[in-house]
Amino acid sequence: MPEESDEDLPRLPALPPLTGPTVVESLPGLARVAASAALHTTEWSVRTTARSWLRVGRAVTSRD
């Protein structure tokens, strides 16, 4: 069985040159999105934890 050399294999098309904003230019926007997501996640977590502990407190003090 003959071995194929790299020249015989089909080549992938070349990537087009970057003409849009570069990664460095996108970092401030990405940082804002990440900060906003972190803030909303923290807010949801605190709200859910507080609600759960209030339910536990009501269950503990309930006479039923």
C-alpha atoms as a PDB file:
ATOM      1  CA  MET A   1       0.000   0.000   0.000  1.00  0.00           C
ATOM      2  CA  PRO A   2       1.724   3.209  -1.075  1.00  0.00           C
ATOM      3  CA  GLU A   3       1.984   6.039   1.411  1.00  0.00           C
ATOM      4  CA  GLU A   4       0.438   9.377   0.500  1.00  0.00           C
ATOM      5  CA  SER A   5       2.605  12.419   0.728  1.00  0.00           C
ATOM      6  CA  ASP A   6       1.291  15.777   1.932  1.00  0.00           C
ATOM      7  CA  GLU A   7       1.310  17.099  -1.630  1.00  0.00           C
ATOM      8  CA  ASP A   8      -1.330  14.551  -2.654  1.00  0.00           C
ATOM      9  CA  LEU A   9      -3.827  15.562   0.037  1.00  0.00           C
ATOM     10  CA  PRO A  10      -6.505  18.185  -0.647  1.00  0.00           C
ATOM     11  CA  ARG A  11      -5.821  21.545   0.954  1.00  0.00           C
ATOM     12  CA  LEU A  12      -8.218  23.598   3.040  1.00  0.00           C
ATOM     13  CA  PRO A  13      -9.093  27.044   1.743  1.00  0.00           C
ATOM     14  CA  ALA A  14      -7.039  29.873   3.189  1.00  0.00           C
ATOM     15  CA  LEU A  15      -8.666  32.053   5.827  1.00  0.00           C
ATOM     16  CA  PRO A  16      -9.610  35.530   4.669  1.00  0.00           C
ATOM     17  CA  PRO A  17      -7.545  38.381   6.088  1.00  0.00           C
ATOM     18  CA  LEU A  18      -8.911  40.082   9.193  1.00  0.00           C
ATOM     19  CA  THR A  19     -10.588  43.285   8.111  1.00  0.00           C
ATOM     20  CA  GLY A  20     -12.918  43.873  11.055  1.00  0.00           C
ATOM     21  CA  PRO A  21     -12.103  44.885  14.604  1.00  0.00           C
ATOM     22  CA  THR A  22      -9.285  42.956  16.175  1.00  0.00           C
ATOM     23  CA  VAL A  23      -9.507  41.051  19.422  1.00  0.00           C
ATOM     24  CA  VAL A  24      -7.760  43.838  21.310  1.00  0.00           C
ATOM     25  CA  GLU A  25     -10.340  46.353  20.115  1.00  0.00           C
ATOM     26  CA  SER A  26     -13.151  44.012  21.202  1.00  0.00           C
ATOM     27  CA  LEU A  27     -11.872  43.512  24.763  1.00  0.00           C
ATOM     28  CA  PRO A  28     -13.673  46.487  26.392  1.00  0.00           C
ATOM     29  CA  GLY A  29     -17.028  45.331  25.031  1.00  0.00           C
ATOM     30  CA  LEU A  30     -16.367  41.735  26.012  1.00  0.00           C
ATOM     31  CA  ALA A  31     -15.363  42.867  29.511  1.00  0.00           C
ATOM     32  CA  ARG A  32     -18.625  44.833  29.853  1.00  0.00           C
ATOM     33  CA  VAL A  33     -20.683  41.826  28.784  1.00  0.00           C
ATOM     34  CA  ALA A  34     -18.799  39.536  31.191  1.00  0.00           C
ATOM     35  CA  ALA A  35     -19.168  42.006  34.075  1.00  0.00           C
ATOM     36  CA  SER A  36     -22.876  42.404  33.404  1.00  0.00           C
ATOM     37  CA  ALA A  37     -23.378  38.637  33.276  1.00  0.00           C
ATOM     38  CA  ALA A  38     -21.437  38.189  36.528  1.00  0.00           C
ATOM     39  CA  LEU A  39     -23.480  40.910  38.239  1.00  0.00           C
ATOM     40  CA  HIS A  40     -26.793  39.418  37.129  1.00  0.00           C
ATOM     41  CA  THR A  41     -25.682  35.923  38.160  1.00  0.00           C
ATOM     42  CA  THR A  42     -24.641  37.175  41.600  1.00  0.00           C
ATOM     43  CA  GLU A  43     -27.917  39.064  41.991  1.00  0.00           C
ATOM     44  CA  TRP A  44     -29.914  35.953  41.073  1.00  0.00           C
ATOM     45  CA  SER A  45     -27.860  33.801  43.452  1.00  0.00           C
ATOM     46  CA  VAL A  46     -28.288  36.161  46.416  1.00  0.00           C
ATOM     47  CA  ARG A  47     -32.016  36.552  45.758  1.00  0.00           C
ATOM     48  CA  THR A  48     -32.555  32.792  45.437  1.00  0.00           C
ATOM     49  CA  THR A  49     -30.504  32.014  48.552  1.00  0.00           C
ATOM     50  CA  ALA A  50     -32.378  34.613  50.618  1.00  0.00           C
ATOM     51  CA  ARG A  51     -35.730  33.301  49.402  1.00  0.00           C
ATOM     52  CA  SER A  52     -34.720  29.733  50.263  1.00  0.00           C
ATOM     53  CA  TRP A  53     -33.569  30.655  53.767  1.00  0.00           C
ATOM     54  CA  LEU A  54     -36.810  32.570  54.352  1.00  0.00           C
ATOM     55  CA  ARG A  55     -38.735  29.429  53.407  1.00  0.00           C
ATOM     56  CA  VAL A  56     -36.584  27.377  55.800  1.00  0.00           C
ATOM     57  CA  GLY A  57     -37.202  29.927  58.556  1.00  0.00           C
ATOM     58  CA  ARG A  58     -40.955  29.806  57.991  1.00  0.00           C
ATOM     59  CA  ALA A  59     -40.909  26.001  57.987  1.00  0.00           C
ATOM     60  CA  VAL A  60     -38.941  25.869  61.250  1.00  0.00           C
ATOM     61  CA  THR A  61     -41.213  28.338  63.051  1.00  0.00           C
ATOM     62  CA  SER A  62     -44.461  26.915  61.677  1.00  0.00           C
ATOM     63  CA  ARG A  63     -46.593  24.985  64.134  1.00  0.00           C
ATOM     64  CA  ASP A  64     -47.951  22.694  61.427  1.00  0.00           C
END
